[in-house]
Every structure is written in C-alpha cells, then in structure tokens.
Amino acid sequence: MTRLRIEVRNYNNKPVERASVVVRFVEGRSPAKLGRKVITQWELRTNQEGVVKVPPIPQGKILVQVIAKGYQTFGQTFEVAEEEKTLEIKLNPPQPQYSAHQ
C-alpha cells in the first residue's frame, strides 16, 4: 500500500485550492485483502496549500484526474511502487474558445 500526497499548482507555481482530485487504482497488486474489499477510488478536494492526502492505495498503476475552475482538466496515469509518494501536478490555463464559424 502507498500513502499518496498530491500537490496541485498553477502555471505560476501557486497552490490551487478546492480543486477536485479523483484517484483511481487501475492495475497492479491485487486490491483484495483477506476477503475485505479495499477501496480503490477516491474523490477529494485540495486544501489551501493545494494538497490532497489520499488514504493508503494499492501499489501499481493509478489514474489521477484534477478538475479546477479556470484551468484545463488534468488526467494522467502514474506508476506507484513506493510506500510514500508525492505527485506534483501543474494545471494549465484554459485554452481560448475555438469556433469553426466565421
């Protein structure tokens, strides 16, 4: 199991608070533990420092999605094999609206 800490920052390296962070275990070591079902998905919000602490998650591949107002949505798969890991995620500004109509 891994204790995961996720830091969400913007393009100016400032913390992004109240960002919605979804962490989902994708594949790896069996999430079944002695008959008990281990929770493999969490939906959390960042604190004022832009940090989220995820409860212990099975080691292997995890998908991290971050949604924050005023930023592009972030989604990426990470490989986690350590007992403790910190992921630093940078959010980009939204892309300008594009229209095919003149």
PDB file of N, CA and C in Angstrom:
ATOM      1  N   MET A   1       0.854  -1.191   0.000  1.00  0.00           N
ATOM      2  CA  MET A   1       0.000   0.000   0.000  1.00  0.00           C
ATOM      3  C   MET A   1       0.897   1.250   0.000  1.00  0.00           C
ATOM      4  N   THR A   2       0.388   2.287  -0.614  1.00  0.00           N
ATOM      5  CA  THR A   2       1.135   3.532  -0.748  1.00  0.00           C
ATOM      6  C   THR A   2       0.343   4.672  -0.127  1.00  0.00           C
ATOM      7  N   ARG A   3       1.034   5.513   0.628  1.00  0.00           N
ATOM      8  CA  ARG A   3       0.423   6.764   1.103  1.00  0.00           C
ATOM      9  C   ARG A   3       0.786   7.818   0.076  1.00  0.00           C
ATOM     10  N   LEU A   4      -0.233   8.381  -0.553  1.00  0.00           N
ATOM     11  CA  LEU A   4      -0.031   9.287  -1.668  1.00  0.00           C
ATOM     12  C   LEU A   4      -0.379  10.712  -1.255  1.00  0.00           C
ATOM     13  N   ARG A   5       0.493  11.625  -1.655  1.00  0.00           N
ATOM     14  CA  ARG A   5       0.263  13.050  -1.421  1.00  0.00           C
ATOM     15  C   ARG A   5       0.323  13.716  -2.790  1.00  0.00           C
ATOM     16  N   ILE A   6      -0.689  14.507  -3.110  1.00  0.00           N
ATOM     17  CA  ILE A   6      -0.748  15.167  -4.408  1.00  0.00           C
ATOM     18  C   ILE A   6      -0.751  16.671  -4.183  1.00  0.00           C
ATOM     19  N   GLU A   7       0.191  17.362  -4.838  1.00  0.00           N
ATOM     20  CA  GLU A   7       0.271  18.820  -4.753  1.00  0.00           C
ATOM     21  C   GLU A   7      -0.178  19.393  -6.090  1.00  0.00           C
ATOM     22  N   VAL A   8      -1.207  20.240  -6.054  1.00  0.00           N
ATOM     23  CA  VAL A   8      -1.735  20.839  -7.280  1.00  0.00           C
ATOM     24  C   VAL A   8      -1.362  22.316  -7.299  1.00  0.00           C
ATOM     25  N   ARG A   9      -0.658  22.713  -8.366  1.00  0.00           N
ATOM     26  CA  ARG A   9      -0.212  24.103  -8.503  1.00  0.00           C
ATOM     27  C   ARG A   9      -0.592  24.613  -9.881  1.00  0.00           C
ATOM     28  N   ASN A  10      -0.646  25.955  -9.996  1.00  0.00           N
ATOM     29  CA  ASN A  10      -0.937  26.536 -11.305  1.00  0.00           C
ATOM     30  C   ASN A  10       0.370  26.861 -12.025  1.00  0.00           C
ATOM     31  N   TYR A  11       0.261  27.453 -13.197  1.00  0.00           N
ATOM     32  CA  TYR A  11       1.431  27.750 -14.027  1.00  0.00           C
ATOM     33  C   TYR A  11       2.345  28.794 -13.386  1.00  0.00           C
ATOM     34  N   ASN A  12       1.881  29.535 -12.364  1.00  0.00           N
ATOM     35  CA  ASN A  12       2.732  30.476 -11.617  1.00  0.00           C
ATOM     36  C   ASN A  12       3.285  29.829 -10.348  1.00  0.00           C
ATOM     37  N   ASN A  13       3.125  28.514 -10.234  1.00  0.00           N
ATOM     38  CA  ASN A  13       3.580  27.744  -9.074  1.00  0.00           C
ATOM     39  C   ASN A  13       2.835  28.096  -7.791  1.00  0.00           C
ATOM     40  N   LYS A  14       1.635  28.629  -7.909  1.00  0.00           N
ATOM     41  CA  LYS A  14       0.807  28.933  -6.735  1.00  0.00           C
ATOM     42  C   LYS A  14      -0.135  27.744  -6.484  1.00  0.00           C
ATOM     43  N   PRO A  15      -0.427  27.445  -5.204  1.00  0.00           N
ATOM     44  CA  PRO A  15      -1.328  26.324  -4.905  1.00  0.00           C
ATOM     45  C   PRO A  15      -2.726  26.577  -5.470  1.00  0.00           C
ATOM     46  N   VAL A  16      -3.375  25.512  -5.923  1.00  0.00           N
ATOM     47  CA  VAL A  16      -4.761  25.597  -6.395  1.00  0.00           C
ATOM     48  C   VAL A  16      -5.625  24.941  -5.333  1.00  0.00           C
ATOM     49  N   GLU A  17      -6.419  25.767  -4.616  1.00  0.00           N
ATOM     50  CA  GLU A  17      -7.250  25.197  -3.558  1.00  0.00           C
ATOM     51  C   GLU A  17      -8.625  24.818  -4.093  1.00  0.00           C
ATOM     52  N   ARG A  18      -9.245  23.878  -3.407  1.00  0.00           N
ATOM     53  CA  ARG A  18     -10.570  23.372  -3.737  1.00  0.00           C
ATOM     54  C   ARG A  18     -10.659  22.743  -5.129  1.00  0.00           C
ATOM     55  N   ALA A  19      -9.532  22.265  -5.643  1.00  0.00           N
ATOM     56  CA  ALA A  19      -9.552  21.518  -6.904  1.00  0.00           C
ATOM     57  C   ALA A  19     -10.096  20.121  -6.601  1.00  0.00           C
ATOM     58  N   SER A  20     -10.878  19.593  -7.505  1.00  0.00           N
ATOM     59  CA  SER A  20     -11.418  18.248  -7.349  1.00  0.00           C
ATOM     60  C   SER A  20     -10.396  17.249  -7.874  1.00  0.00           C
ATOM     61  N   VAL A  21      -9.996  16.304  -7.014  1.00  0.00           N
ATOM     62  CA  VAL A  21      -8.986  15.317  -7.386  1.00  0.00           C
ATOM     63  C   VAL A  21      -9.622  13.928  -7.303  1.00  0.00           C
ATOM     64  N   VAL A  22      -9.577  13.201  -8.428  1.00  0.00           N
ATOM     65  CA  VAL A  22     -10.079  11.820  -8.455  1.00  0.00           C
ATOM     66  C   VAL A  22      -8.877  10.910  -8.622  1.00  0.00           C
ATOM     67  N   VAL A  23      -8.729   9.953  -7.705  1.00  0.00           N
ATOM     68  CA  VAL A  23      -7.629   8.996  -7.768  1.00  0.00           C
ATOM     69  C   VAL A  23      -8.255   7.613  -7.897  1.00  0.00           C
ATOM     70  N   ARG A  24      -7.838   6.884  -8.940  1.00  0.00           N
ATOM     71  CA  ARG A  24      -8.411   5.563  -9.189  1.00  0.00           C
ATOM     72  C   ARG A  24      -7.291   4.560  -9.407  1.00  0.00           C
ATOM     73  N   PHE A  25      -7.350   3.461  -8.660  1.00  0.00           N
ATOM     74  CA  PHE A  25      -6.391   2.367  -8.844  1.00  0.00           C
ATOM     75  C   PHE A  25      -6.751   1.660 -10.148  1.00  0.00           C
ATOM     76  N   VAL A  26      -5.769   1.510 -11.064  1.00  0.00           N
ATOM     77  CA  VAL A  26      -6.033   0.918 -12.376  1.00  0.00           C
ATOM     78  C   VAL A  26      -5.631  -0.550 -12.411  1.00  0.00           C
ATOM     79  N   GLU A  27      -4.352  -0.827 -12.122  1.00  0.00           N
ATOM     80  CA  GLU A  27      -3.905  -2.222 -12.126  1.00  0.00           C
ATOM     81  C   GLU A  27      -2.634  -2.361 -11.308  1.00  0.00           C
ATOM     82  N   GLY A  28      -2.382  -3.576 -10.847  1.00  0.00           N
ATOM     83  CA  GLY A  28      -1.177  -3.820 -10.064  1.00  0.00           C
ATOM     84  C   GLY A  28      -1.433  -4.940  -9.098  1.00  0.00           C
ATOM     85  N   ARG A  29      -0.870  -4.807  -7.928  1.00  0.00           N
ATOM     86  CA  ARG A  29      -1.073  -5.844  -6.917  1.00  0.00           C
ATOM     87  C   ARG A  29      -2.549  -5.931  -6.565  1.00  0.00           C
ATOM     88  N   SER A  30      -2.982  -7.120  -6.271  1.00  0.00           N
ATOM     89  CA  SER A  30      -4.407  -7.368  -6.036  1.00  0.00           C
ATOM     90  C   SER A  30      -4.966  -6.442  -4.966  1.00  0.00           C
ATOM     91  N   PRO A  31      -6.052  -5.725  -5.298  1.00  0.00           N
ATOM     92  CA  PRO A  31      -6.662  -4.856  -4.283  1.00  0.00           C
ATOM     93  C   PRO A  31      -7.472  -5.627  -3.248  1.00  0.00           C
ATOM     94  N   ALA A  32      -7.704  -6.937  -3.461  1.00  0.00           N
ATOM     95  CA  ALA A  32      -8.446  -7.735  -2.481  1.00  0.00           C
ATOM     96  C   ALA A  32      -7.501  -8.113  -1.348  1.00  0.00           C
ATOM     97  N   LYS A  33      -7.904  -7.829  -0.106  1.00  0.00           N
ATOM     98  CA  LYS A  33      -7.054  -8.107   1.054  1.00  0.00           C
ATOM     99  C   LYS A  33      -7.827  -8.984   2.037  1.00  0.00           C
ATOM    100  N   LEU A  34      -7.470 -10.256   2.115  1.00  0.00           N
ATOM    101  CA  LEU A  34      -8.073 -11.177   3.082  1.00  0.00           C
ATOM    102  C   LEU A  34      -9.595 -11.110   3.062  1.00  0.00           C
ATOM    103  N   GLY A  35     -10.159 -11.091   1.873  1.00  0.00           N
ATOM    104  CA  GLY A  35     -11.617 -11.095   1.767  1.00  0.00           C
ATOM    105  C   GLY A  35     -12.258  -9.722   1.909  1.00  0.00           C
ATOM    106  N   ARG A  36     -11.509  -8.766   2.450  1.00  0.00           N
ATOM    107  CA  ARG A  36     -12.076  -7.415   2.584  1.00  0.00           C
ATOM    108  C   ARG A  36     -11.847  -6.681   1.284  1.00  0.00           C
ATOM    109  N   LYS A  37     -12.856  -5.949   0.854  1.00  0.00           N
ATOM    110  CA  LYS A  37     -12.679  -5.170  -0.378  1.00  0.00           C
ATOM    111  C   LYS A  37     -11.965  -3.882  -0.020  1.00  0.00           C
ATOM    112  N   VAL A  38     -10.866  -3.615  -0.716  1.00  0.00           N
ATOM    113  CA  VAL A  38     -10.104  -2.400  -0.486  1.00  0.00           C
ATOM    114  C   VAL A  38     -10.661  -1.317  -1.406  1.00  0.00           C
ATOM    115  N   ILE A  39     -10.890  -0.142  -0.850  1.00  0.00           N
ATOM    116  CA  ILE A  39     -11.391   0.964  -1.671  1.00  0.00           C
ATOM    117  C   ILE A  39     -10.301   1.351  -2.662  1.00  0.00           C
ATOM    118  N   THR A  40     -10.669   1.479  -3.931  1.00  0.00           N
ATOM    119  CA  THR A  40      -9.669   1.756  -4.961  1.00  0.00           C
ATOM    120  C   THR A  40      -9.952   3.047  -5.709  1.00  0.00           C
ATOM    121  N   GLN A  41     -10.902   3.855  -5.224  1.00  0.00           N
ATOM    122  CA  GLN A  41     -11.164   5.141  -5.875  1.00  0.00           C
ATOM    123  C   GLN A  41     -11.582   6.166  -4.827  1.00  0.00           C
ATOM    124  N   TRP A  42     -11.024   7.370  -4.963  1.00  0.00           N
ATOM    125  CA  TRP A  42     -11.366   8.444  -4.050  1.00  0.00           C
ATOM    126  C   TRP A  42     -11.644   9.707  -4.840  1.00  0.00           C
ATOM    127  N   GLU A  43     -12.553  10.521  -4.304  1.00  0.00           N
ATOM    128  CA  GLU A  43     -12.786  11.856  -4.845  1.00  0.00           C
ATOM    129  C   GLU A  43     -12.539  12.817  -3.696  1.00  0.00           C
ATOM    130  N   LEU A  44     -11.526  13.670  -3.867  1.00  0.00           N
ATOM    131  CA  LEU A  44     -11.095  14.548  -2.778  1.00  0.00           C
ATOM    132  C   LEU A  44     -10.984  15.976  -3.283  1.00  0.00           C
ATOM    133  N   ARG A  45     -10.827  16.924  -2.356  1.00  0.00           N
ATOM    134  CA  ARG A  45     -10.581  18.325  -2.725  1.00  0.00           C
ATOM    135  C   ARG A  45      -9.289  18.793  -2.090  1.00  0.00           C
ATOM    136  N   THR A  46      -8.554  19.636  -2.826  1.00  0.00           N
ATOM    137  CA  THR A  46      -7.299  20.149  -2.279  1.00  0.00           C
ATOM    138  C   THR A  46      -7.585  21.148  -1.160  1.00  0.00           C
ATOM    139  N   ASN A  47      -6.622  21.276  -0.240  1.00  0.00           N
ATOM    140  CA  ASN A  47      -6.737  22.255   0.841  1.00  0.00           C
ATOM    141  C   ASN A  47      -6.156  23.599   0.386  1.00  0.00           C
ATOM    142  N   GLN A  48      -5.954  24.536   1.317  1.00  0.00           N
ATOM    143  CA  GLN A  48      -5.468  25.878   0.953  1.00  0.00           C
ATOM    144  C   GLN A  48      -4.060  25.842   0.367  1.00  0.00           C
ATOM    145  N   GLU A  49      -3.275  24.815   0.716  1.00  0.00           N
ATOM    146  CA  GLU A  49      -1.920  24.690   0.156  1.00  0.00           C
ATOM    147  C   GLU A  49      -1.937  23.926  -1.166  1.00  0.00           C
ATOM    148  N   GLY A  50      -3.130  23.582  -1.667  1.00  0.00           N
ATOM    149  CA  GLY A  50      -3.239  22.839  -2.910  1.00  0.00           C
ATOM    150  C   GLY A  50      -2.856  21.373  -2.753  1.00  0.00           C
ATOM    151  N   VAL A  51      -2.973  20.842  -1.528  1.00  0.00           N
ATOM    152  CA  VAL A  51      -2.516  19.480  -1.234  1.00  0.00           C
ATOM    153  C   VAL A  51      -3.700  18.572  -0.918  1.00  0.00           C
ATOM    154  N   VAL A  52      -3.589  17.335  -1.384  1.00  0.00           N
ATOM    155  CA  VAL A  52      -4.560  16.297  -1.065  1.00  0.00           C
ATOM    156  C   VAL A  52      -3.776  15.106  -0.538  1.00  0.00           C
ATOM    157  N   LYS A  53      -4.247  14.506   0.551  1.00  0.00           N
ATOM    158  CA  LYS A  53      -3.620  13.289   1.063  1.00  0.00           C
ATOM    159  C   LYS A  53      -4.601  12.151   0.836  1.00  0.00           C
ATOM    160  N   VAL A  54      -4.159  11.171   0.049  1.00  0.00           N
ATOM    161  CA  VAL A  54      -5.022  10.045  -0.321  1.00  0.00           C
ATOM    162  C   VAL A  54      -4.829   8.927   0.696  1.00  0.00           C
ATOM    163  N   PRO A  55      -5.929   8.311   1.165  1.00  0.00           N
ATOM    164  CA  PRO A  55      -5.772   7.152   2.065  1.00  0.00           C
ATOM    165  C   PRO A  55      -4.938   6.069   1.384  1.00  0.00           C
ATOM    166  N   PRO A  56      -4.364   5.133   2.158  1.00  0.00           N
ATOM    167  CA  PRO A  56      -3.499   4.107   1.552  1.00  0.00           C
ATOM    168  C   PRO A  56      -4.157   3.446   0.341  1.00  0.00           C
ATOM    169  N   ILE A  57      -3.404   3.373  -0.748  1.00  0.00           N
ATOM    170  CA  ILE A  57      -3.898   2.846  -2.021  1.00  0.00           C
ATOM    171  C   ILE A  57      -2.977   1.718  -2.461  1.00  0.00           C
ATOM    172  N   PRO A  58      -3.513   0.680  -3.129  1.00  0.00           N
ATOM    173  CA  PRO A  58      -2.638  -0.412  -3.580  1.00  0.00           C
ATOM    174  C   PRO A  58      -1.560   0.099  -4.537  1.00  0.00           C
ATOM    175  N   GLN A  59      -0.408  -0.555  -4.512  1.00  0.00           N
ATOM    176  CA  GLN A  59       0.681  -0.164  -5.416  1.00  0.00           C
ATOM    177  C   GLN A  59       0.399  -0.693  -6.813  1.00  0.00           C
ATOM    178  N   GLY A  60       0.846   0.070  -7.806  1.00  0.00           N
ATOM    179  CA  GLY A  60       0.618  -0.293  -9.200  1.00  0.00           C
ATOM    180  C   GLY A  60       0.326   0.959  -9.993  1.00  0.00           C
ATOM    181  N   LYS A  61      -0.531   0.821 -10.998  1.00  0.00           N
ATOM    182  CA  LYS A  61      -0.887   1.979 -11.819  1.00  0.00           C
ATOM    183  C   LYS A  61      -2.102   2.667 -11.240  1.00  0.00           C
ATOM    184  N   ILE A  62      -2.008   3.996 -11.122  1.00  0.00           N
ATOM    185  CA  ILE A  62      -3.151   4.772 -10.656  1.00  0.00           C
ATOM    186  C   ILE A  62      -3.424   5.896 -11.653  1.00  0.00           C
ATOM    187  N   LEU A  63      -4.681   6.232 -11.799  1.00  0.00           N
ATOM    188  CA  LEU A  63      -5.090   7.328 -12.662  1.00  0.00           C
ATOM    189  C   LEU A  63      -5.438   8.511 -11.771  1.00  0.00           C
ATOM    190  N   VAL A  64      -4.852   9.669 -12.073  1.00  0.00           N
ATOM    191  CA  VAL A  64      -5.129  10.885 -11.312  1.00  0.00           C
ATOM    192  C   VAL A  64      -5.784  11.887 -12.253  1.00  0.00           C
ATOM    193  N   GLN A  65      -6.956  12.395 -11.857  1.00  0.00           N
ATOM    194  CA  GLN A  65      -7.642  13.435 -12.619  1.00  0.00           C
ATOM    195  C   GLN A  65      -7.845  14.628 -11.699  1.00  0.00           C
ATOM    196  N   VAL A  66      -7.579  15.826 -12.229  1.00  0.00           N
ATOM    197  CA  VAL A  66      -7.752  17.045 -11.449  1.00  0.00           C
ATOM    198  C   VAL A  66      -8.631  18.000 -12.245  1.00  0.00           C
ATOM    199  N   ILE A  67      -9.686  18.480 -11.584  1.00  0.00           N
ATOM    200  CA  ILE A  67     -10.594  19.431 -12.221  1.00  0.00           C
ATOM    201  C   ILE A  67     -10.678  20.652 -11.314  1.00  0.00           C
ATOM    202  N   ALA A  68     -10.369  21.825 -11.873  1.00  0.00           N
ATOM    203  CA  ALA A  68     -10.445  23.061 -11.096  1.00  0.00           C
ATOM    204  C   ALA A  68     -11.008  24.151 -11.993  1.00  0.00           C
ATOM    205  N   LYS A  69     -11.851  24.973 -11.412  1.00  0.00           N
ATOM    206  CA  LYS A  69     -12.462  26.057 -12.167  1.00  0.00           C
ATOM    207  C   LYS A  69     -11.374  27.004 -12.678  1.00  0.00           C
ATOM    208  N   GLY A  70     -11.443  27.329 -13.959  1.00  0.00           N
ATOM    209  CA  GLY A  70     -10.479  28.261 -14.530  1.00  0.00           C
ATOM    210  C   GLY A  70      -9.196  27.616 -15.035  1.00  0.00           C
ATOM    211  N   TYR A  71      -9.152  26.266 -15.047  1.00  0.00           N
ATOM    212  CA  TYR A  71      -7.959  25.557 -15.510  1.00  0.00           C
ATOM    213  C   TYR A  71      -8.366  24.425 -16.438  1.00  0.00           C
ATOM    214  N   GLN A  72      -7.406  23.978 -17.267  1.00  0.00           N
ATOM    215  CA  GLN A  72      -7.651  22.786 -18.083  1.00  0.00           C
ATOM    216  C   GLN A  72      -7.729  21.573 -17.160  1.00  0.00           C
ATOM    217  N   THR A  73      -8.559  20.618 -17.529  1.00  0.00           N
ATOM    218  CA  THR A  73      -8.641  19.371 -16.772  1.00  0.00           C
ATOM    219  C   THR A  73      -7.357  18.572 -16.990  1.00  0.00           C
ATOM    220  N   PHE A  74      -6.857  17.970 -15.912  1.00  0.00           N
ATOM    221  CA  PHE A  74      -5.623  17.186 -15.967  1.00  0.00           C
ATOM    222  C   PHE A  74      -5.966  15.714 -15.766  1.00  0.00           C
ATOM    223  N   GLY A  75      -5.357  14.847 -16.528  1.00  0.00           N
ATOM    224  CA  GLY A  75      -5.532  13.413 -16.340  1.00  0.00           C
ATOM    225  C   GLY A  75      -4.271  12.688 -16.758  1.00  0.00           C
ATOM    226  N   GLN A  76      -3.763  11.830 -15.889  1.00  0.00           N
ATOM    227  CA  GLN A  76      -2.543  11.083 -16.223  1.00  0.00           C
ATOM    228  C   GLN A  76      -2.463   9.834 -15.359  1.00  0.00           C
ATOM    229  N   THR A  77      -1.849   8.795 -15.933  1.00  0.00           N
ATOM    230  CA  THR A  77      -1.620   7.557 -15.188  1.00  0.00           C
ATOM    231  C   THR A  77      -0.207   7.587 -14.621  1.00  0.00           C
ATOM    232  N   PHE A  78      -0.085   7.180 -13.358  1.00  0.00           N
ATOM    233  CA  PHE A  78       1.221   7.138 -12.691  1.00  0.00           C
ATOM    234  C   PHE A  78       1.471   5.724 -12.197  1.00  0.00           C
ATOM    235  N   GLU A  79       2.738   5.344 -12.137  1.00  0.00           N
ATOM    236  CA  GLU A  79       3.146   4.062 -11.562  1.00  0.00           C
ATOM    237  C   GLU A  79       3.605   4.341 -10.139  1.00  0.00           C
ATOM    238  N   VAL A  80       3.022   3.626  -9.158  1.00  0.00           N
ATOM    239  CA  VAL A  80       3.410   3.850  -7.765  1.00  0.00           C
ATOM    240  C   VAL A  80       3.912   2.540  -7.160  1.00  0.00           C
ATOM    241  N   ALA A  81       5.157   2.567  -6.702  1.00  0.00           N
ATOM    242  CA  ALA A  81       5.729   1.357  -6.104  1.00  0.00           C
ATOM    243  C   ALA A  81       6.285   1.636  -4.706  1.00  0.00           C
ATOM    244  N   GLU A  82       6.345   2.908  -4.317  1.00  0.00           N
ATOM    245  CA  GLU A  82       6.913   3.267  -3.016  1.00  0.00           C
ATOM    246  C   GLU A  82       5.831   3.215  -1.929  1.00  0.00           C
ATOM    247  N   GLU A  83       6.289   3.254  -0.664  1.00  0.00           N
ATOM    248  CA  GLU A  83       5.322   3.301   0.442  1.00  0.00           C
ATOM    249  C   GLU A  83       4.755   4.695   0.609  1.00  0.00           C
ATOM    250  N   GLU A  84       5.552   5.704   0.253  1.00  0.00           N
ATOM    251  CA  GLU A  84       5.078   7.088   0.290  1.00  0.00           C
ATOM    252  C   GLU A  84       5.497   7.760  -0.989  1.00  0.00           C
ATOM    253  N   LYS A  85       4.598   8.536  -1.577  1.00  0.00           N
ATOM    254  CA  LYS A  85       4.931   9.193  -2.842  1.00  0.00           C
ATOM    255  C   LYS A  85       4.217  10.536  -2.899  1.00  0.00           C
ATOM    256  N   THR A  86       4.923  11.538  -3.447  1.00  0.00           N
ATOM    257  CA  THR A  86       4.329  12.851  -3.668  1.00  0.00           C
ATOM    258  C   THR A  86       4.296  13.108  -5.169  1.00  0.00           C
ATOM    259  N   LEU A  87       3.121  13.443  -5.669  1.00  0.00           N
ATOM    260  CA  LEU A  87       2.974  13.791  -7.082  1.00  0.00           C
ATOM    261  C   LEU A  87       2.744  15.291  -7.173  1.00  0.00           C
ATOM    262  N   GLU A  88       3.515  15.958  -8.020  1.00  0.00           N
ATOM    263  CA  GLU A  88       3.313  17.388  -8.242  1.00  0.00           C
ATOM    264  C   GLU A  88       2.623  17.564  -9.583  1.00  0.00           C
ATOM    265  N   ILE A  89       1.479  18.218  -9.548  1.00  0.00           N
ATOM    266  CA  ILE A  89       0.679  18.389 -10.759  1.00  0.00           C
ATOM    267  C   ILE A  89       0.532  19.878 -11.036  1.00  0.00           C
ATOM    268  N   LYS A  90       0.832  20.262 -12.267  1.00  0.00           N
ATOM    269  CA  LYS A  90       0.686  21.658 -12.684  1.00  0.00           C
ATOM    270  C   LYS A  90      -0.521  21.773 -13.602  1.00  0.00           C
ATOM    271  N   LEU A  91      -1.399  22.705 -13.287  1.00  0.00           N
ATOM    272  CA  LEU A  91      -2.573  22.938 -14.123  1.00  0.00           C
ATOM    273  C   LEU A  91      -2.304  24.090 -15.079  1.00  0.00           C
ATOM    274  N   ASN A  92      -2.756  23.956 -16.293  1.00  0.00           N
ATOM    275  CA  ASN A  92      -2.578  24.981 -17.314  1.00  0.00           C
ATOM    276  C   ASN A  92      -3.819  25.858 -17.414  1.00  0.00           C
ATOM    277  N   PRO A  93      -3.638  27.084 -17.912  1.00  0.00           N
ATOM    278  CA  PRO A  93      -4.799  27.949 -18.104  1.00  0.00           C
ATOM    279  C   PRO A  93      -5.689  27.362 -19.191  1.00  0.00           C
ATOM    280  N   PRO A  94      -6.954  27.747 -19.215  1.00  0.00           N
ATOM    281  CA  PRO A  94      -7.850  27.206 -20.238  1.00  0.00           C
ATOM    282  C   PRO A  94      -7.425  27.648 -21.635  1.00  0.00           C
ATOM    283  N   GLN A  95      -7.700  26.819 -22.611  1.00  0.00           N
ATOM    284  CA  GLN A  95      -7.435  27.179 -23.994  1.00  0.00           C
ATOM    285  C   GLN A  95      -8.512  28.160 -24.445  1.00  0.00           C
ATOM    286  N   PRO A  96      -8.151  29.107 -25.327  1.00  0.00           N
ATOM    287  CA  PRO A  96      -9.182  30.013 -25.832  1.00  0.00           C
ATOM    288  C   PRO A  96     -10.231  29.231 -26.608  1.00  0.00           C
ATOM    289  N   GLN A  97     -11.452  29.727 -26.580  1.00  0.00           N
ATOM    290  CA  GLN A  97     -12.520  29.080 -27.333  1.00  0.00           C
ATOM    291  C   GLN A  97     -12.221  29.101 -28.805  1.00  0.00           C
ATOM    292  N   TYR A  98     -12.487  28.010 -29.463  1.00  0.00           N
ATOM    293  CA  TYR A  98     -12.231  27.937 -30.897  1.00  0.00           C
ATOM    294  C   TYR A  98     -13.562  27.699 -31.600  1.00  0.00           C
ATOM    295  N   SER A  99     -13.799  28.437 -32.630  1.00  0.00           N
ATOM    296  CA  SER A  99     -15.035  28.256 -33.370  1.00  0.00           C
ATOM    297  C   SER A  99     -14.718  28.066 -34.840  1.00  0.00           C
ATOM    298  N   ALA A 100     -15.418  27.129 -35.451  1.00  0.00           N
ATOM    299  CA  ALA A 100     -15.250  26.890 -36.890  1.00  0.00           C
ATOM    300  C   ALA A 100     -16.094  27.889 -37.688  1.00  0.00           C
ATOM    301  N   HIS A 101     -16.984  28.569 -36.978  1.00  0.00           N
ATOM    302  CA  HIS A 101     -17.875  29.529 -37.651  1.00  0.00           C
ATOM    303  C   HIS A 101     -17.202  30.881 -37.734  1.00  0.00           C
ATOM    304  N   GLN A 102     -17.341  31.531 -38.835  1.00  0.00           N
ATOM    305  CA  GLN A 102     -16.716  32.843 -39.029  1.00  0.00           C
ATOM    306  C   GLN A 102     -17.611  33.954 -38.551  1.00  0.00           C
TER     307      GLN A 102
END
